[in-house]
Amino acid sequence: MEESPVIRMWITNKSNKEITTAMNESMVAFLSIAKQSGCIGASFAEDDERIIAYTMWSNEMALEQFRSSKEYHAQEGKIIQAFVAAGFQIPGDILFNSTANILFSN
């Protein structure tokens, strides 16, 4: 059986806070490194209540290889620092953090 593509989602409660320049830069850097590491699609988005980071991978093994890399951990630390500096409570403000198999995509 062929491995299916997966998505990784991280959704954070905004609690009336704004995305800062440092938050944006840390997420763009993270998603750029993810792309260089095999990510096939990524988004950083917001609505009035949430901040959403989304990545798509060809399979879970590719994602997990990235998640175990030094680059991942360095960038993750920068993201957490930027969010905390902006007043976010990590992990308290994280609403959802999950990996899911893609059943259909077009």
PDB file of N, CA and C in Angstrom:
ATOM      1  N   MET A   1       0.835  -1.191   0.000  1.00  0.00           N
ATOM      2  CA  MET A   1       0.000   0.000   0.000  1.00  0.00           C
ATOM      3  C   MET A   1       0.876   1.249   0.000  1.00  0.00           C
ATOM      4  N   GLU A   2       0.568   2.186  -0.849  1.00  0.00           N
ATOM      5  CA  GLU A   2       1.317   3.425  -0.977  1.00  0.00           C
ATOM      6  C   GLU A   2       1.053   4.343   0.215  1.00  0.00           C
ATOM      7  N   GLU A   3       2.120   5.011   0.692  1.00  0.00           N
ATOM      8  CA  GLU A   3       1.949   5.965   1.783  1.00  0.00           C
ATOM      9  C   GLU A   3       1.191   7.186   1.288  1.00  0.00           C
ATOM     10  N   SER A   4       0.295   7.678   2.108  1.00  0.00           N
ATOM     11  CA  SER A   4      -0.496   8.837   1.697  1.00  0.00           C
ATOM     12  C   SER A   4       0.168  10.128   2.153  1.00  0.00           C
ATOM     13  N   PRO A   5      -0.112  11.219   1.445  1.00  0.00           N
ATOM     14  CA  PRO A   5       0.396  12.520   1.885  1.00  0.00           C
ATOM     15  C   PRO A   5      -0.249  12.904   3.207  1.00  0.00           C
ATOM     16  N   VAL A   6       0.440  13.758   3.949  1.00  0.00           N
ATOM     17  CA  VAL A   6      -0.067  14.196   5.253  1.00  0.00           C
ATOM     18  C   VAL A   6       0.001  15.721   5.344  1.00  0.00           C
ATOM     19  N   ILE A   7      -0.811  16.244   6.255  1.00  0.00           N
ATOM     20  CA  ILE A   7      -0.736  17.659   6.598  1.00  0.00           C
ATOM     21  C   ILE A   7      -0.404  17.764   8.082  1.00  0.00           C
ATOM     22  N   ARG A   8       0.256  18.843   8.426  1.00  0.00           N
ATOM     23  CA  ARG A   8       0.550  19.161   9.820  1.00  0.00           C
ATOM     24  C   ARG A   8      -0.062  20.530  10.067  1.00  0.00           C
ATOM     25  N   MET A   9      -0.908  20.633  11.109  1.00  0.00           N
ATOM     26  CA  MET A   9      -1.602  21.880  11.415  1.00  0.00           C
ATOM     27  C   MET A   9      -1.287  22.329  12.829  1.00  0.00           C
ATOM     28  N   TRP A  10      -1.125  23.628  12.990  1.00  0.00           N
ATOM     29  CA  TRP A  10      -0.907  24.242  14.293  1.00  0.00           C
ATOM     30  C   TRP A  10      -1.823  25.451  14.362  1.00  0.00           C
ATOM     31  N   ILE A  11      -2.800  25.423  15.257  1.00  0.00           N
ATOM     32  CA  ILE A  11      -3.782  26.499  15.355  1.00  0.00           C
ATOM     33  C   ILE A  11      -3.701  27.093  16.756  1.00  0.00           C
ATOM     34  N   THR A  12      -3.535  28.411  16.803  1.00  0.00           N
ATOM     35  CA  THR A  12      -3.327  29.126  18.059  1.00  0.00           C
ATOM     36  C   THR A  12      -4.404  30.183  18.253  1.00  0.00           C
ATOM     37  N   ASN A  13      -4.899  30.290  19.468  1.00  0.00           N
ATOM     38  CA  ASN A  13      -5.872  31.305  19.840  1.00  0.00           C
ATOM     39  C   ASN A  13      -5.186  32.672  19.860  1.00  0.00           C
ATOM     40  N   LYS A  14      -5.778  33.682  19.211  1.00  0.00           N
ATOM     41  CA  LYS A  14      -5.184  35.015  19.187  1.00  0.00           C
ATOM     42  C   LYS A  14      -5.474  35.822  20.448  1.00  0.00           C
ATOM     43  N   SER A  15      -6.606  35.629  21.057  1.00  0.00           N
ATOM     44  CA  SER A  15      -6.980  36.389  22.263  1.00  0.00           C
ATOM     45  C   SER A  15      -6.748  37.889  22.079  1.00  0.00           C
ATOM     46  N   ASN A  16      -7.201  38.423  20.939  1.00  0.00           N
ATOM     47  CA  ASN A  16      -7.100  39.850  20.614  1.00  0.00           C
ATOM     48  C   ASN A  16      -5.666  40.353  20.438  1.00  0.00           C
ATOM     49  N   LYS A  17      -4.707  39.455  20.244  1.00  0.00           N
ATOM     50  CA  LYS A  17      -3.324  39.863  19.986  1.00  0.00           C
ATOM     51  C   LYS A  17      -3.095  39.937  18.482  1.00  0.00           C
ATOM     52  N   GLU A  18      -2.124  40.723  18.097  1.00  0.00           N
ATOM     53  CA  GLU A  18      -1.774  40.892  16.695  1.00  0.00           C
ATOM     54  C   GLU A  18      -0.528  40.078  16.355  1.00  0.00           C
ATOM     55  N   ILE A  19      -0.402  39.707  15.090  1.00  0.00           N
ATOM     56  CA  ILE A  19       0.819  39.052  14.623  1.00  0.00           C
ATOM     57  C   ILE A  19       1.898  40.128  14.505  1.00  0.00           C
ATOM     58  N   THR A  20       3.018  39.909  15.199  1.00  0.00           N
ATOM     59  CA  THR A  20       4.120  40.866  15.170  1.00  0.00           C
ATOM     60  C   THR A  20       5.059  40.559  13.994  1.00  0.00           C
ATOM     61  N   THR A  21       5.929  41.500  13.716  1.00  0.00           N
ATOM     62  CA  THR A  21       6.931  41.303  12.669  1.00  0.00           C
ATOM     63  C   THR A  21       7.796  40.089  12.999  1.00  0.00           C
ATOM     64  N   ALA A  22       8.196  39.954  14.265  1.00  0.00           N
ATOM     65  CA  ALA A  22       9.037  38.816  14.664  1.00  0.00           C
ATOM     66  C   ALA A  22       8.299  37.495  14.487  1.00  0.00           C
ATOM     67  N   MET A  23       7.015  37.458  14.792  1.00  0.00           N
ATOM     68  CA  MET A  23       6.225  36.237  14.598  1.00  0.00           C
ATOM     69  C   MET A  23       6.164  35.894  13.116  1.00  0.00           C
ATOM     70  N   ASN A  24       5.864  36.888  12.292  1.00  0.00           N
ATOM     71  CA  ASN A  24       5.768  36.666  10.856  1.00  0.00           C
ATOM     72  C   ASN A  24       7.103  36.184  10.296  1.00  0.00           C
ATOM     73  N   GLU A  25       8.181  36.855  10.651  1.00  0.00           N
ATOM     74  CA  GLU A  25       9.498  36.476  10.134  1.00  0.00           C
ATOM     75  C   GLU A  25       9.887  35.066  10.567  1.00  0.00           C
ATOM     76  N   SER A  26       9.592  34.704  11.820  1.00  0.00           N
ATOM     77  CA  SER A  26       9.956  33.364  12.298  1.00  0.00           C
ATOM     78  C   SER A  26       9.141  32.289  11.578  1.00  0.00           C
ATOM     79  N   MET A  27       7.856  32.561  11.312  1.00  0.00           N
ATOM     80  CA  MET A  27       7.041  31.579  10.603  1.00  0.00           C
ATOM     81  C   MET A  27       7.451  31.461   9.140  1.00  0.00           C
ATOM     82  N   VAL A  28       7.744  32.576   8.489  1.00  0.00           N
ATOM     83  CA  VAL A  28       8.175  32.534   7.093  1.00  0.00           C
ATOM     84  C   VAL A  28       9.500  31.776   6.988  1.00  0.00           C
ATOM     85  N   ALA A  29      10.427  32.020   7.911  1.00  0.00           N
ATOM     86  CA  ALA A  29      11.707  31.299   7.903  1.00  0.00           C
ATOM     87  C   ALA A  29      11.478  29.808   8.106  1.00  0.00           C
ATOM     88  N   PHE A  30      10.623  29.454   9.061  1.00  0.00           N
ATOM     89  CA  PHE A  30      10.321  28.047   9.331  1.00  0.00           C
ATOM     90  C   PHE A  30       9.725  27.373   8.100  1.00  0.00           C
ATOM     91  N   LEU A  31       8.726  28.005   7.495  1.00  0.00           N
ATOM     92  CA  LEU A  31       8.061  27.401   6.336  1.00  0.00           C
ATOM     93  C   LEU A  31       8.986  27.345   5.127  1.00  0.00           C
ATOM     94  N   SER A  32       9.894  28.297   5.001  1.00  0.00           N
ATOM     95  CA  SER A  32      10.880  28.252   3.916  1.00  0.00           C
ATOM     96  C   SER A  32      11.834  27.078   4.101  1.00  0.00           C
ATOM     97  N   ILE A  33      12.282  26.846   5.325  1.00  0.00           N
ATOM     98  CA  ILE A  33      13.161  25.702   5.598  1.00  0.00           C
ATOM     99  C   ILE A  33      12.394  24.395   5.413  1.00  0.00           C
ATOM    100  N   ALA A  34      11.119  24.382   5.802  1.00  0.00           N
ATOM    101  CA  ALA A  34      10.298  23.180   5.580  1.00  0.00           C
ATOM    102  C   ALA A  34      10.238  22.873   4.089  1.00  0.00           C
ATOM    103  N   LYS A  35      10.040  23.897   3.273  1.00  0.00           N
ATOM    104  CA  LYS A  35       9.974  23.714   1.817  1.00  0.00           C
ATOM    105  C   LYS A  35      11.282  23.132   1.281  1.00  0.00           C
ATOM    106  N   GLN A  36      12.406  23.605   1.782  1.00  0.00           N
ATOM    107  CA  GLN A  36      13.712  23.092   1.380  1.00  0.00           C
ATOM    108  C   GLN A  36      13.924  21.656   1.863  1.00  0.00           C
ATOM    109  N   SER A  37      13.150  21.248   2.866  1.00  0.00           N
ATOM    110  CA  SER A  37      13.300  19.923   3.470  1.00  0.00           C
ATOM    111  C   SER A  37      12.253  18.930   2.989  1.00  0.00           C
ATOM    112  N   GLY A  38      11.530  19.274   1.923  1.00  0.00           N
ATOM    113  CA  GLY A  38      10.582  18.337   1.338  1.00  0.00           C
ATOM    114  C   GLY A  38       9.118  18.671   1.494  1.00  0.00           C
ATOM    115  N   CYS A  39       8.778  19.747   2.170  1.00  0.00           N
ATOM    116  CA  CYS A  39       7.390  20.178   2.294  1.00  0.00           C
ATOM    117  C   CYS A  39       6.873  20.528   0.897  1.00  0.00           C
ATOM    118  N   ILE A  40       5.673  20.058   0.559  1.00  0.00           N
ATOM    119  CA  ILE A  40       5.136  20.293  -0.778  1.00  0.00           C
ATOM    120  C   ILE A  40       4.086  21.402  -0.805  1.00  0.00           C
ATOM    121  N   GLY A  41       3.808  21.988   0.349  1.00  0.00           N
ATOM    122  CA  GLY A  41       2.876  23.103   0.425  1.00  0.00           C
ATOM    123  C   GLY A  41       2.801  23.627   1.844  1.00  0.00           C
ATOM    124  N   ALA A  42       2.656  24.938   1.998  1.00  0.00           N
ATOM    125  CA  ALA A  42       2.596  25.513   3.336  1.00  0.00           C
ATOM    126  C   ALA A  42       1.799  26.804   3.311  1.00  0.00           C
ATOM    127  N   SER A  43       1.163  27.117   4.433  1.00  0.00           N
ATOM    128  CA  SER A  43       0.422  28.366   4.590  1.00  0.00           C
ATOM    129  C   SER A  43       0.576  28.871   6.016  1.00  0.00           C
ATOM    130  N   PHE A  44       0.572  30.179   6.147  1.00  0.00           N
ATOM    131  CA  PHE A  44       0.538  30.862   7.441  1.00  0.00           C
ATOM    132  C   PHE A  44      -0.620  31.831   7.317  1.00  0.00           C
ATOM    133  N   ALA A  45      -1.630  31.682   8.152  1.00  0.00           N
ATOM    134  CA  ALA A  45      -2.869  32.441   7.982  1.00  0.00           C
ATOM    135  C   ALA A  45      -3.431  32.884   9.327  1.00  0.00           C
ATOM    136  N   GLU A  46      -4.396  33.792   9.252  1.00  0.00           N
ATOM    137  CA  GLU A  46      -5.092  34.218  10.463  1.00  0.00           C
ATOM    138  C   GLU A  46      -6.536  34.565  10.129  1.00  0.00           C
ATOM    139  N   ASP A  47      -7.376  34.470  11.138  1.00  0.00           N
ATOM    140  CA  ASP A  47      -8.700  35.056  11.077  1.00  0.00           C
ATOM    141  C   ASP A  47      -8.827  35.918  12.324  1.00  0.00           C
ATOM    142  N   ASP A  48     -10.015  36.356  12.675  1.00  0.00           N
ATOM    143  CA  ASP A  48     -10.166  37.236  13.834  1.00  0.00           C
ATOM    144  C   ASP A  48      -9.781  36.569  15.147  1.00  0.00           C
ATOM    145  N   GLU A  49      -9.885  35.242  15.209  1.00  0.00           N
ATOM    146  CA  GLU A  49      -9.692  34.540  16.476  1.00  0.00           C
ATOM    147  C   GLU A  49      -8.488  33.607  16.528  1.00  0.00           C
ATOM    148  N   ARG A  50      -7.923  33.241  15.361  1.00  0.00           N
ATOM    149  CA  ARG A  50      -6.897  32.197  15.335  1.00  0.00           C
ATOM    150  C   ARG A  50      -5.741  32.534  14.403  1.00  0.00           C
ATOM    151  N   ILE A  51      -4.599  31.909  14.706  1.00  0.00           N
ATOM    152  CA  ILE A  51      -3.443  31.906  13.808  1.00  0.00           C
ATOM    153  C   ILE A  51      -3.256  30.451  13.392  1.00  0.00           C
ATOM    154  N   ILE A  52      -3.044  30.226  12.107  1.00  0.00           N
ATOM    155  CA  ILE A  52      -2.987  28.871  11.572  1.00  0.00           C
ATOM    156  C   ILE A  52      -1.712  28.687  10.762  1.00  0.00           C
ATOM    157  N   ALA A  53      -0.969  27.639  11.081  1.00  0.00           N
ATOM    158  CA  ALA A  53       0.176  27.238  10.268  1.00  0.00           C
ATOM    159  C   ALA A  53      -0.133  25.838   9.748  1.00  0.00           C
ATOM    160  N   TYR A  54       0.153  25.625   8.469  1.00  0.00           N
ATOM    161  CA  TYR A  54      -0.247  24.396   7.787  1.00  0.00           C
ATOM    162  C   TYR A  54       0.877  23.988   6.852  1.00  0.00           C
ATOM    163  N   THR A  55       1.271  22.732   6.914  1.00  0.00           N
ATOM    164  CA  THR A  55       2.238  22.199   5.954  1.00  0.00           C
ATOM    165  C   THR A  55       1.696  20.904   5.365  1.00  0.00           C
ATOM    166  N   MET A  56       2.106  20.618   4.131  1.00  0.00           N
ATOM    167  CA  MET A  56       1.715  19.380   3.455  1.00  0.00           C
ATOM    168  C   MET A  56       2.990  18.643   3.056  1.00  0.00           C
ATOM    169  N   TRP A  57       2.973  17.327   3.255  1.00  0.00           N
ATOM    170  CA  TRP A  57       4.141  16.487   3.013  1.00  0.00           C
ATOM    171  C   TRP A  57       3.738  15.283   2.176  1.00  0.00           C
ATOM    172  N   SER A  58       4.678  14.746   1.408  1.00  0.00           N
ATOM    173  CA  SER A  58       4.388  13.592   0.547  1.00  0.00           C
ATOM    174  C   SER A  58       4.028  12.357   1.362  1.00  0.00           C
ATOM    175  N   ASN A  59       4.571  12.260   2.577  1.00  0.00           N
ATOM    176  CA  ASN A  59       4.237  11.152   3.481  1.00  0.00           C
ATOM    177  C   ASN A  59       4.704  11.512   4.885  1.00  0.00           C
ATOM    178  N   GLU A  60       4.264  10.737   5.851  1.00  0.00           N
ATOM    179  CA  GLU A  60       4.587  11.039   7.245  1.00  0.00           C
ATOM    180  C   GLU A  60       6.075  10.870   7.536  1.00  0.00           C
ATOM    181  N   MET A  61       6.745   9.965   6.840  1.00  0.00           N
ATOM    182  CA  MET A  61       8.174   9.769   7.058  1.00  0.00           C
ATOM    183  C   MET A  61       8.948  11.039   6.699  1.00  0.00           C
ATOM    184  N   ALA A  62       8.592  11.704   5.611  1.00  0.00           N
ATOM    185  CA  ALA A  62       9.250  12.956   5.218  1.00  0.00           C
ATOM    186  C   ALA A  62       9.033  14.033   6.278  1.00  0.00           C
ATOM    187  N   LEU A  63       7.811  14.125   6.790  1.00  0.00           N
ATOM    188  CA  LEU A  63       7.507  15.083   7.850  1.00  0.00           C
ATOM    189  C   LEU A  63       8.327  14.778   9.095  1.00  0.00           C
ATOM    190  N   GLU A  64       8.331  13.536   9.522  1.00  0.00           N
ATOM    191  CA  GLU A  64       9.037  13.171  10.752  1.00  0.00           C
ATOM    192  C   GLU A  64      10.544  13.350  10.617  1.00  0.00           C
ATOM    193  N   GLN A  65      11.072  13.145   9.421  1.00  0.00           N
ATOM    194  CA  GLN A  65      12.498  13.378   9.194  1.00  0.00           C
ATOM    195  C   GLN A  65      12.796  14.869   9.413  1.00  0.00           C
ATOM    196  N   PHE A  66      11.945  15.743   8.899  1.00  0.00           N
ATOM    197  CA  PHE A  66      12.116  17.172   9.120  1.00  0.00           C
ATOM    198  C   PHE A  66      11.946  17.514  10.598  1.00  0.00           C
ATOM    199  N   ARG A  67      10.937  16.969  11.244  1.00  0.00           N
ATOM    200  CA  ARG A  67      10.673  17.279  12.650  1.00  0.00           C
ATOM    201  C   ARG A  67      11.795  16.832  13.580  1.00  0.00           C
ATOM    202  N   SER A  68      12.619  15.890  13.145  1.00  0.00           N
ATOM    203  CA  SER A  68      13.734  15.445  13.981  1.00  0.00           C
ATOM    204  C   SER A  68      15.043  16.157  13.638  1.00  0.00           C
ATOM    205  N   SER A  69      15.001  17.092  12.698  1.00  0.00           N
ATOM    206  CA  SER A  69      16.221  17.778  12.263  1.00  0.00           C
ATOM    207  C   SER A  69      16.599  18.933  13.200  1.00  0.00           C
ATOM    208  N   LYS A  70      17.875  19.292  13.169  1.00  0.00           N
ATOM    209  CA  LYS A  70      18.370  20.437  13.941  1.00  0.00           C
ATOM    210  C   LYS A  70      17.709  21.725  13.471  1.00  0.00           C
ATOM    211  N   GLU A  71      17.505  21.845  12.163  1.00  0.00           N
ATOM    212  CA  GLU A  71      16.886  23.051  11.608  1.00  0.00           C
ATOM    213  C   GLU A  71      15.472  23.255  12.160  1.00  0.00           C
ATOM    214  N   TYR A  72      14.724  22.158  12.237  1.00  0.00           N
ATOM    215  CA  TYR A  72      13.360  22.235  12.777  1.00  0.00           C
ATOM    216  C   TYR A  72      13.385  22.776  14.200  1.00  0.00           C
ATOM    217  N   HIS A  73      14.223  22.190  15.033  1.00  0.00           N
ATOM    218  CA  HIS A  73      14.254  22.584  16.447  1.00  0.00           C
ATOM    219  C   HIS A  73      14.744  24.016  16.631  1.00  0.00           C
ATOM    220  N   ALA A  74      15.704  24.445  15.828  1.00  0.00           N
ATOM    221  CA  ALA A  74      16.171  25.830  15.905  1.00  0.00           C
ATOM    222  C   ALA A  74      15.053  26.789  15.524  1.00  0.00           C
ATOM    223  N   GLN A  75      14.357  26.507  14.429  1.00  0.00           N
ATOM    224  CA  GLN A  75      13.272  27.379  13.977  1.00  0.00           C
ATOM    225  C   GLN A  75      12.078  27.336  14.925  1.00  0.00           C
ATOM    226  N   GLU A  76      11.761  26.161  15.451  1.00  0.00           N
ATOM    227  CA  GLU A  76      10.661  26.040  16.414  1.00  0.00           C
ATOM    228  C   GLU A  76      10.927  26.924  17.627  1.00  0.00           C
ATOM    229  N   GLY A  77      12.168  26.922  18.110  1.00  0.00           N
ATOM    230  CA  GLY A  77      12.528  27.765  19.252  1.00  0.00           C
ATOM    231  C   GLY A  77      12.330  29.242  18.954  1.00  0.00           C
ATOM    232  N   LYS A  78      12.681  29.672  17.748  1.00  0.00           N
ATOM    233  CA  LYS A  78      12.505  31.074  17.356  1.00  0.00           C
ATOM    234  C   LYS A  78      11.028  31.444  17.279  1.00  0.00           C
ATOM    235  N   ILE A  79      10.206  30.519  16.783  1.00  0.00           N
ATOM    236  CA  ILE A  79       8.761  30.768  16.716  1.00  0.00           C
ATOM    237  C   ILE A  79       8.194  30.924  18.119  1.00  0.00           C
ATOM    238  N   ILE A  80       8.544  30.015  18.998  1.00  0.00           N
ATOM    239  CA  ILE A  80       8.029  30.077  20.371  1.00  0.00           C
ATOM    240  C   ILE A  80       8.468  31.376  21.042  1.00  0.00           C
ATOM    241  N   GLN A  81       9.728  31.760  20.878  1.00  0.00           N
ATOM    242  CA  GLN A  81      10.223  33.023  21.458  1.00  0.00           C
ATOM    243  C   GLN A  81       9.427  34.212  20.932  1.00  0.00           C
ATOM    244  N   ALA A  82       9.167  34.248  19.632  1.00  0.00           N
ATOM    245  CA  ALA A  82       8.427  35.358  19.036  1.00  0.00           C
ATOM    246  C   ALA A  82       6.994  35.421  19.556  1.00  0.00           C
ATOM    247  N   PHE A  83       6.351  34.268  19.667  1.00  0.00           N
ATOM    248  CA  PHE A  83       4.975  34.242  20.170  1.00  0.00           C
ATOM    249  C   PHE A  83       4.924  34.659  21.635  1.00  0.00           C
ATOM    250  N   VAL A  84       5.826  34.148  22.452  1.00  0.00           N
ATOM    251  CA  VAL A  84       5.853  34.499  23.878  1.00  0.00           C
ATOM    252  C   VAL A  84       6.138  35.993  24.046  1.00  0.00           C
ATOM    253  N   ALA A  85       7.073  36.531  23.260  1.00  0.00           N
ATOM    254  CA  ALA A  85       7.381  37.963  23.335  1.00  0.00           C
ATOM    255  C   ALA A  85       6.163  38.819  22.986  1.00  0.00           C
ATOM    256  N   ALA A  86       5.257  38.284  22.174  1.00  0.00           N
ATOM    257  CA  ALA A  86       4.040  39.009  21.784  1.00  0.00           C
ATOM    258  C   ALA A  86       2.900  38.794  22.781  1.00  0.00           C
ATOM    259  N   GLY A  87       3.166  38.068  23.872  1.00  0.00           N
ATOM    260  CA  GLY A  87       2.153  37.882  24.909  1.00  0.00           C
ATOM    261  C   GLY A  87       1.359  36.603  24.835  1.00  0.00           C
ATOM    262  N   PHE A  88       1.714  35.707  23.933  1.00  0.00           N
ATOM    263  CA  PHE A  88       1.012  34.433  23.841  1.00  0.00           C
ATOM    264  C   PHE A  88       1.475  33.496  24.947  1.00  0.00           C
ATOM    265  N   GLN A  89       0.553  32.685  25.426  1.00  0.00           N
ATOM    266  CA  GLN A  89       0.847  31.667  26.432  1.00  0.00           C
ATOM    267  C   GLN A  89       1.013  30.335  25.711  1.00  0.00           C
ATOM    268  N   ILE A  90       2.251  29.864  25.623  1.00  0.00           N
ATOM    269  CA  ILE A  90       2.530  28.590  24.956  1.00  0.00           C
ATOM    270  C   ILE A  90       2.841  27.578  26.040  1.00  0.00           C
ATOM    271  N   PRO A  91       2.137  26.477  26.142  1.00  0.00           N
ATOM    272  CA  PRO A  91       1.216  25.910  25.170  1.00  0.00           C
ATOM    273  C   PRO A  91      -0.256  26.279  25.366  1.00  0.00           C
ATOM    274  N   GLY A  92      -0.601  27.073  26.367  1.00  0.00           N
ATOM    275  CA  GLY A  92      -1.997  27.349  26.684  1.00  0.00           C
ATOM    276  C   GLY A  92      -2.843  27.895  25.548  1.00  0.00           C
ATOM    277  N   ASP A  93      -2.276  28.756  24.708  1.00  0.00           N
ATOM    278  CA  ASP A  93      -3.037  29.338  23.600  1.00  0.00           C
ATOM    279  C   ASP A  93      -3.127  28.430  22.381  1.00  0.00           C
ATOM    280  N   ILE A  94      -2.420  27.315  22.383  1.00  0.00           N
ATOM    281  CA  ILE A  94      -2.499  26.390  21.249  1.00  0.00           C
ATOM    282  C   ILE A  94      -3.828  25.648  21.319  1.00  0.00           C
ATOM    283  N   LEU A  95      -4.647  25.821  20.294  1.00  0.00           N
ATOM    284  CA  LEU A  95      -5.963  25.192  20.242  1.00  0.00           C
ATOM    285  C   LEU A  95      -5.908  23.795  19.639  1.00  0.00           C
ATOM    286  N   PHE A  96      -5.004  23.601  18.668  1.00  0.00           N
ATOM    287  CA  PHE A  96      -4.990  22.348  17.926  1.00  0.00           C
ATOM    288  C   PHE A  96      -3.618  22.171  17.306  1.00  0.00           C
ATOM    289  N   ASN A  97      -3.075  20.978  17.414  1.00  0.00           N
ATOM    290  CA  ASN A  97      -1.772  20.664  16.848  1.00  0.00           C
ATOM    291  C   ASN A  97      -1.828  19.194  16.446  1.00  0.00           C
ATOM    292  N   SER A  98      -1.821  18.908  15.138  1.00  0.00           N
ATOM    293  CA  SER A  98      -2.042  17.526  14.721  1.00  0.00           C
ATOM    294  C   SER A  98      -1.463  17.250  13.339  1.00  0.00           C
ATOM    295  N   THR A  99      -1.187  15.990  13.116  1.00  0.00           N
ATOM    296  CA  THR A  99      -0.824  15.480  11.795  1.00  0.00           C
ATOM    297  C   THR A  99      -1.998  14.624  11.311  1.00  0.00           C
ATOM    298  N   ALA A 100      -2.389  14.788  10.046  1.00  0.00           N
ATOM    299  CA  ALA A 100      -3.515  14.035   9.505  1.00  0.00           C
ATOM    300  C   ALA A 100      -3.200  13.509   8.108  1.00  0.00           C
ATOM    301  N   ASN A 101      -3.700  12.330   7.799  1.00  0.00           N
ATOM    302  CA  ASN A 101      -3.570  11.777   6.458  1.00  0.00           C
ATOM    303  C   ASN A 101      -4.547  12.499   5.538  1.00  0.00           C
ATOM    304  N   ILE A 102      -4.099  12.808   4.331  1.00  0.00           N
ATOM    305  CA  ILE A 102      -4.959  13.449   3.342  1.00  0.00           C
ATOM    306  C   ILE A 102      -5.752  12.358   2.623  1.00  0.00           C
ATOM    307  N   LEU A 103      -7.052  12.453   2.679  1.00  0.00           N
ATOM    308  CA  LEU A 103      -7.914  11.478   2.030  1.00  0.00           C
ATOM    309  C   LEU A 103      -8.264  11.882   0.601  1.00  0.00           C
ATOM    310  N   PHE A 104      -8.336  13.198   0.369  1.00  0.00           N
ATOM    311  CA  PHE A 104      -8.623  13.719  -0.968  1.00  0.00           C
ATOM    312  C   PHE A 104      -8.044  15.113  -1.067  1.00  0.00           C
ATOM    313  N   SER A 105      -7.478  15.418  -2.213  1.00  0.00           N
ATOM    314  CA  SER A 105      -6.951  16.757  -2.477  1.00  0.00           C
ATOM    315  C   SER A 105      -6.971  16.971  -3.986  1.00  0.00           C
ATOM    316  N   ASN A 106      -7.210  18.210  -4.400  1.00  0.00           N
ATOM    317  CA  ASN A 106      -7.134  18.496  -5.841  1.00  0.00           C
ATOM    318  C   ASN A 106      -6.524  19.841  -6.078  1.00  0.00           C
TER     319      ASN A 106
END
